[in-house]
Amino acid sequence: MTEQSTSITGRRVRVFPASSGGWAPISGVVLAEDDITILVEDTERQRQSVIPFTAIGRIELGSHVKGAAA
């Protein structure tokens, strides 16, 4: 089985706490040490994918992701 990497650079995302059982979005800024889950919304293909993620640097929520990969 090969390891896959999904680039989310420049894609619209919603970010949720990985530890939470619900889908309550985090508000504010995700820092490097945060263990989170990312819901990637691909509006061009009209689909969503959920990926686990440990933030690299910081993610400004409500904006496009810049320079991060899962």
C-alpha atoms as a PDB file:
ATOM      1  CA  MET A   1       0.000   0.000   0.000  1.00  0.00           C
ATOM      2  CA  THR A   2       1.450   3.357  -0.976  1.00  0.00           C
ATOM      3  CA  GLU A   3       1.346   6.401   1.233  1.00  0.00           C
ATOM      4  CA  GLN A   4      -0.800   9.197  -0.148  1.00  0.00           C
ATOM      5  CA  SER A   5      -0.429  12.926   0.334  1.00  0.00           C
ATOM      6  CA  THR A   6      -3.291  15.279  -0.389  1.00  0.00           C
ATOM      7  CA  SER A   7      -2.434  18.879  -1.140  1.00  0.00           C
ATOM      8  CA  ILE A   8      -4.990  21.330   0.193  1.00  0.00           C
ATOM      9  CA  THR A   9      -3.066  24.442  -0.790  1.00  0.00           C
ATOM     10  CA  GLY A  10      -5.438  27.076  -2.093  1.00  0.00           C
ATOM     11  CA  ARG A  11      -8.566  25.003  -1.415  1.00  0.00           C
ATOM     12  CA  ARG A  12     -11.526  26.088   0.651  1.00  0.00           C
ATOM     13  CA  VAL A  13     -11.698  24.069   3.857  1.00  0.00           C
ATOM     14  CA  ARG A  14     -13.674  23.773   7.055  1.00  0.00           C
ATOM     15  CA  VAL A  15     -11.711  22.702  10.103  1.00  0.00           C
ATOM     16  CA  PHE A  16     -13.008  20.614  13.010  1.00  0.00           C
ATOM     17  CA  PRO A  17     -11.434  19.283  16.224  1.00  0.00           C
ATOM     18  CA  ALA A  18     -10.282  15.698  15.661  1.00  0.00           C
ATOM     19  CA  SER A  19     -11.197  14.726  19.217  1.00  0.00           C
ATOM     20  CA  SER A  20     -14.793  15.897  18.999  1.00  0.00           C
ATOM     21  CA  GLY A  21     -17.522  13.443  18.084  1.00  0.00           C
ATOM     22  CA  GLY A  22     -19.578  16.181  16.493  1.00  0.00           C
ATOM     23  CA  TRP A  23     -18.925  18.506  13.609  1.00  0.00           C
ATOM     24  CA  ALA A  24     -18.576  21.801  15.454  1.00  0.00           C
ATOM     25  CA  PRO A  25     -16.106  23.975  13.520  1.00  0.00           C
ATOM     26  CA  ILE A  26     -13.101  25.478  15.277  1.00  0.00           C
ATOM     27  CA  SER A  27     -13.188  29.254  15.233  1.00  0.00           C
ATOM     28  CA  GLY A  28     -10.074  31.384  15.127  1.00  0.00           C
ATOM     29  CA  VAL A  29      -6.663  30.151  14.062  1.00  0.00           C
ATOM     30  CA  VAL A  30      -5.321  26.593  13.955  1.00  0.00           C
ATOM     31  CA  LEU A  31      -1.789  26.413  15.338  1.00  0.00           C
ATOM     32  CA  ALA A  32       0.985  23.971  14.466  1.00  0.00           C
ATOM     33  CA  GLU A  33       0.425  21.647  17.417  1.00  0.00           C
ATOM     34  CA  ASP A  34      -3.324  21.246  16.919  1.00  0.00           C
ATOM     35  CA  ASP A  35      -4.624  17.793  15.977  1.00  0.00           C
ATOM     36  CA  ILE A  36      -7.567  18.466  13.707  1.00  0.00           C
ATOM     37  CA  THR A  37      -9.743  17.005  10.993  1.00  0.00           C
ATOM     38  CA  ILE A  38     -10.252  18.915   7.762  1.00  0.00           C
ATOM     39  CA  LEU A  39     -13.371  18.790   5.633  1.00  0.00           C
ATOM     40  CA  VAL A  40     -12.220  19.695   2.118  1.00  0.00           C
ATOM     41  CA  GLU A  41     -14.987  21.099  -0.043  1.00  0.00           C
ATOM     42  CA  ASP A  42     -14.287  20.692  -3.745  1.00  0.00           C
ATOM     43  CA  THR A  43     -16.905  22.910  -5.367  1.00  0.00           C
ATOM     44  CA  GLU A  44     -15.620  22.225  -8.881  1.00  0.00           C
ATOM     45  CA  ARG A  45     -16.296  18.499  -8.519  1.00  0.00           C
ATOM     46  CA  GLN A  46     -19.160  19.002  -6.051  1.00  0.00           C
ATOM     47  CA  ARG A  47     -17.811  16.616  -3.449  1.00  0.00           C
ATOM     48  CA  GLN A  48     -16.346  16.666   0.036  1.00  0.00           C
ATOM     49  CA  SER A  49     -13.551  14.660   1.594  1.00  0.00           C
ATOM     50  CA  VAL A  50     -12.511  14.386   5.218  1.00  0.00           C
ATOM     51  CA  ILE A  51      -8.817  14.070   6.023  1.00  0.00           C
ATOM     52  CA  PRO A  52      -6.899  13.905   9.321  1.00  0.00           C
ATOM     53  CA  PHE A  53      -4.338  16.666   9.659  1.00  0.00           C
ATOM     54  CA  THR A  54      -1.750  18.021  12.044  1.00  0.00           C
ATOM     55  CA  ALA A  55      -1.414  21.678  11.184  1.00  0.00           C
ATOM     56  CA  ILE A  56       1.861  22.868   9.693  1.00  0.00           C
ATOM     57  CA  GLY A  57       2.382  26.457  10.735  1.00  0.00           C
ATOM     58  CA  ARG A  58      -1.021  28.060  11.081  1.00  0.00           C
ATOM     59  CA  ILE A  59      -4.257  28.094   9.145  1.00  0.00           C
ATOM     60  CA  GLU A  60      -6.417  31.191   9.110  1.00  0.00           C
ATOM     61  CA  LEU A  61      -9.933  29.825   9.235  1.00  0.00           C
ATOM     62  CA  GLY A  62     -12.476  31.021   6.724  1.00  0.00           C
ATOM     63  CA  SER A  63      -9.788  31.641   4.142  1.00  0.00           C
ATOM     64  CA  HIS A  64      -7.969  29.597   1.541  1.00  0.00           C
ATOM     65  CA  VAL A  65      -5.222  27.350   2.868  1.00  0.00           C
ATOM     66  CA  LYS A  66      -1.740  28.455   1.850  1.00  0.00           C
ATOM     67  CA  GLY A  67       1.226  26.098   1.806  1.00  0.00           C
ATOM     68  CA  ALA A  68      -0.182  23.210   3.823  1.00  0.00           C
ATOM     69  CA  ALA A  69      -0.474  19.534   2.986  1.00  0.00           C
ATOM     70  CA  ALA A  70      -1.987  16.583   4.761  1.00  0.00           C
END
